[in-house]
């Protein structure tokens, strides 16, 4: 009869932690992707608004309209700067999440290796025991045949 792996509980805990780290990393990657999309949208909107401003300036703008365009472009630039900071922060969070995922994966692999060694050792012991039983059975049969 095979002995259970003595660290099975720890192995399952490592699997759970690895799963949690994987899910956390997926969330972090999605948040980073969303932050990048928002930044791209803001940059594209700024380009479009700048083009409209140039077109309006060529057609002639009054002082209030000019000021409105400039103020809005300044607000867009502030939003872009904030979003750049957000993207940078998300990149740092993602990098930390990747490091944690890698740590958990390494730990899990170590316990998986221990578990596999245990299984292989148990299989070898079981094979040896079966071999001994077969050898004993064959020896008894030979003894009976010689007695006859």
Protein backbone atom coordinates (compact mmCIF):
# COMPACT_ATOMS: atom_id res chain seq x y z
CA UNK A 1 0.00 0.00 0.00
CA UNK A 2 1.39 3.37 -0.98
CA UNK A 3 1.97 6.08 1.56
CA UNK A 4 0.29 9.43 0.87
CA UNK A 5 2.52 12.38 0.04
CA UNK A 6 3.22 13.98 3.41
CA UNK A 7 3.28 17.49 1.93
CA UNK A 8 0.04 17.14 -0.05
CA UNK A 9 -1.63 19.91 1.94
CA UNK A 10 1.26 22.26 1.26
CA UNK A 11 1.21 21.28 -2.42
CA UNK A 12 -2.48 22.13 -2.64
CA UNK A 13 -1.84 25.43 -0.86
CA UNK A 14 0.91 26.23 -3.39
CA UNK A 15 -1.48 25.39 -6.22
CA UNK A 16 -4.10 27.73 -4.76
CA UNK A 17 -1.56 30.49 -4.33
CA UNK A 18 -0.33 29.98 -7.88
CA UNK A 19 -3.90 30.17 -9.17
CA UNK A 20 -4.49 33.36 -7.18
CA UNK A 21 -1.25 34.90 -8.49
CA UNK A 22 -2.26 33.98 -12.04
CA UNK A 23 -5.69 35.58 -11.65
CA UNK A 24 -4.16 38.66 -10.04
CA UNK A 25 -1.67 38.99 -12.89
CA UNK A 26 -4.49 38.69 -15.42
CA UNK A 27 -6.34 41.52 -13.67
CA UNK A 28 -3.18 43.66 -13.58
CA UNK A 29 -2.51 43.06 -17.27
CA UNK A 30 -6.10 44.01 -18.11
CA UNK A 31 -5.84 47.19 -16.02
CA UNK A 32 -2.59 48.12 -17.75
CA UNK A 33 -4.12 47.45 -21.16
CA UNK A 34 -7.12 49.63 -20.25
CA UNK A 35 -4.86 52.44 -19.04
CA UNK A 36 -2.91 52.29 -22.31
CA UNK A 37 -6.14 52.35 -24.32
CA UNK A 38 -7.35 55.39 -22.42
CA UNK A 39 -4.01 57.13 -23.03
CA UNK A 40 -4.19 56.31 -26.73
CA UNK A 41 -7.74 57.66 -26.86
CA UNK A 42 -6.69 60.91 -25.15
CA UNK A 43 -3.73 61.33 -27.50
CA UNK A 44 -5.91 60.70 -30.53
CA UNK A 45 -8.53 63.14 -29.27
CA UNK A 46 -5.84 65.77 -28.71
CA UNK A 47 -4.60 65.33 -32.27
CA UNK A 48 -8.13 65.67 -33.63
CA UNK A 49 -8.86 68.71 -31.47
CA UNK A 50 -5.54 70.31 -32.47
CA UNK A 51 -6.42 69.78 -36.14
CA UNK A 52 -9.82 71.42 -35.56
CA UNK A 53 -8.10 74.29 -33.76
CA UNK A 54 -5.71 74.82 -36.68
CA UNK A 55 -8.58 74.73 -39.16
CA UNK A 56 -10.57 77.21 -37.09
CA UNK A 57 -7.50 79.44 -36.73
CA UNK A 58 -7.04 79.47 -40.51
CA UNK A 59 -10.67 80.50 -40.93
CA UNK A 60 -10.22 83.23 -38.34
CA UNK A 61 -10.88 83.01 -34.62
CA UNK A 62 -11.91 85.63 -32.16
CA UNK A 63 -10.14 86.07 -28.84
CA UNK A 64 -12.76 84.15 -26.78
CA UNK A 65 -12.76 81.14 -29.14
CA UNK A 66 -8.94 81.15 -29.23
CA UNK A 67 -8.84 81.17 -25.42
CA UNK A 68 -11.43 78.35 -25.25
CA UNK A 69 -9.40 76.16 -27.60
CA UNK A 70 -6.20 76.87 -25.64
CA UNK A 71 -7.83 76.15 -22.28
CA UNK A 72 -9.31 72.92 -23.54
CA UNK A 73 -5.97 71.83 -25.02
CA UNK A 74 -4.32 72.61 -21.69
CA UNK A 75 -6.90 70.46 -19.87
CA UNK A 76 -6.31 67.68 -22.39
CA UNK A 77 -2.56 67.94 -21.80
CA UNK A 78 -3.14 67.65 -18.04
CA UNK A 79 -5.35 64.60 -18.55
CA UNK A 80 -2.68 63.07 -20.80
CA UNK A 81 -0.01 63.68 -18.14
CA UNK A 82 -2.21 62.10 -15.47
CA UNK A 83 -2.88 59.13 -17.73
CA UNK A 84 0.84 58.74 -18.46
CA UNK A 85 1.39 58.55 -14.70
CA UNK A 86 -1.42 56.03 -14.43
CA UNK A 87 0.11 53.88 -17.17
CA UNK A 88 3.50 54.07 -15.46
CA UNK A 89 1.94 53.07 -12.15
CA UNK A 90 0.07 50.18 -13.79
CA UNK A 91 3.32 49.01 -15.40
CA UNK A 92 4.95 48.90 -11.96
CA UNK A 93 1.98 46.98 -10.51
CA UNK A 94 2.09 44.55 -13.42
CA UNK A 95 5.83 44.02 -12.99
CA UNK A 96 5.31 43.30 -9.28
CA UNK A 97 2.46 40.93 -10.17
CA UNK A 98 4.64 39.13 -12.68
CA UNK A 99 7.40 38.75 -10.08
CA UNK A 100 4.90 37.35 -7.56
CA UNK A 101 3.46 34.99 -10.16
CA UNK A 102 6.97 33.78 -11.00
CA UNK A 103 7.77 33.23 -7.30
CA UNK A 104 4.57 31.24 -6.78
CA UNK A 105 5.19 29.24 -9.96
CA UNK A 106 8.74 28.40 -8.83
CA UNK A 107 7.49 27.27 -5.42
CA UNK A 108 4.75 25.18 -6.99
CA UNK A 109 7.25 23.52 -9.35
CA UNK A 110 9.44 22.63 -6.38
CA UNK A 111 6.57 20.97 -4.54
CA UNK A 112 5.39 19.29 -7.73
CA UNK A 113 8.90 17.86 -8.14
CA UNK A 114 8.83 16.57 -4.56
CA UNK A 115 5.42 15.05 -5.14
CA UNK A 116 6.59 13.40 -8.35
CA UNK A 117 9.68 11.97 -6.61
CA UNK A 118 7.41 10.60 -3.89
CA UNK A 119 5.13 8.98 -6.46
CA UNK A 120 8.09 7.50 -8.32
CA UNK A 121 9.58 6.16 -5.08
CA UNK A 122 6.25 4.62 -4.10
CA UNK A 123 5.89 3.08 -7.55
CA UNK A 124 9.41 1.59 -7.33
CA UNK A 125 8.64 0.15 -3.89
CA UNK A 126 5.37 -1.30 -5.13
CA UNK A 127 7.10 -2.80 -8.16
CA UNK A 128 9.81 -4.36 -5.95
CA UNK A 129 7.17 -5.77 -3.62
CA UNK A 130 5.21 -7.26 -6.53
CA UNK A 131 8.45 -8.66 -7.94
CA UNK A 132 9.28 -10.28 -4.57
CA UNK A 133 5.81 -11.83 -4.41
CA UNK A 134 6.14 -13.17 -7.96
CA UNK A 135 9.61 -14.53 -7.21
CA UNK A 136 8.34 -16.25 -4.06
CA UNK A 137 5.39 -17.68 -5.96
CA UNK A 138 7.67 -18.95 -8.73
CA UNK A 139 10.07 -20.44 -6.17
CA UNK A 140 7.22 -22.26 -4.40
CA UNK A 141 5.93 -23.60 -7.69
CA UNK A 142 9.40 -24.88 -8.59
CA UNK A 143 9.69 -26.50 -5.14
CA UNK A 144 6.31 -28.26 -5.63
CA UNK A 145 7.25 -29.43 -9.10
CA UNK A 146 10.54 -30.86 -7.84
CA UNK A 147 8.72 -32.66 -5.01
CA UNK A 148 6.45 -34.40 -7.43
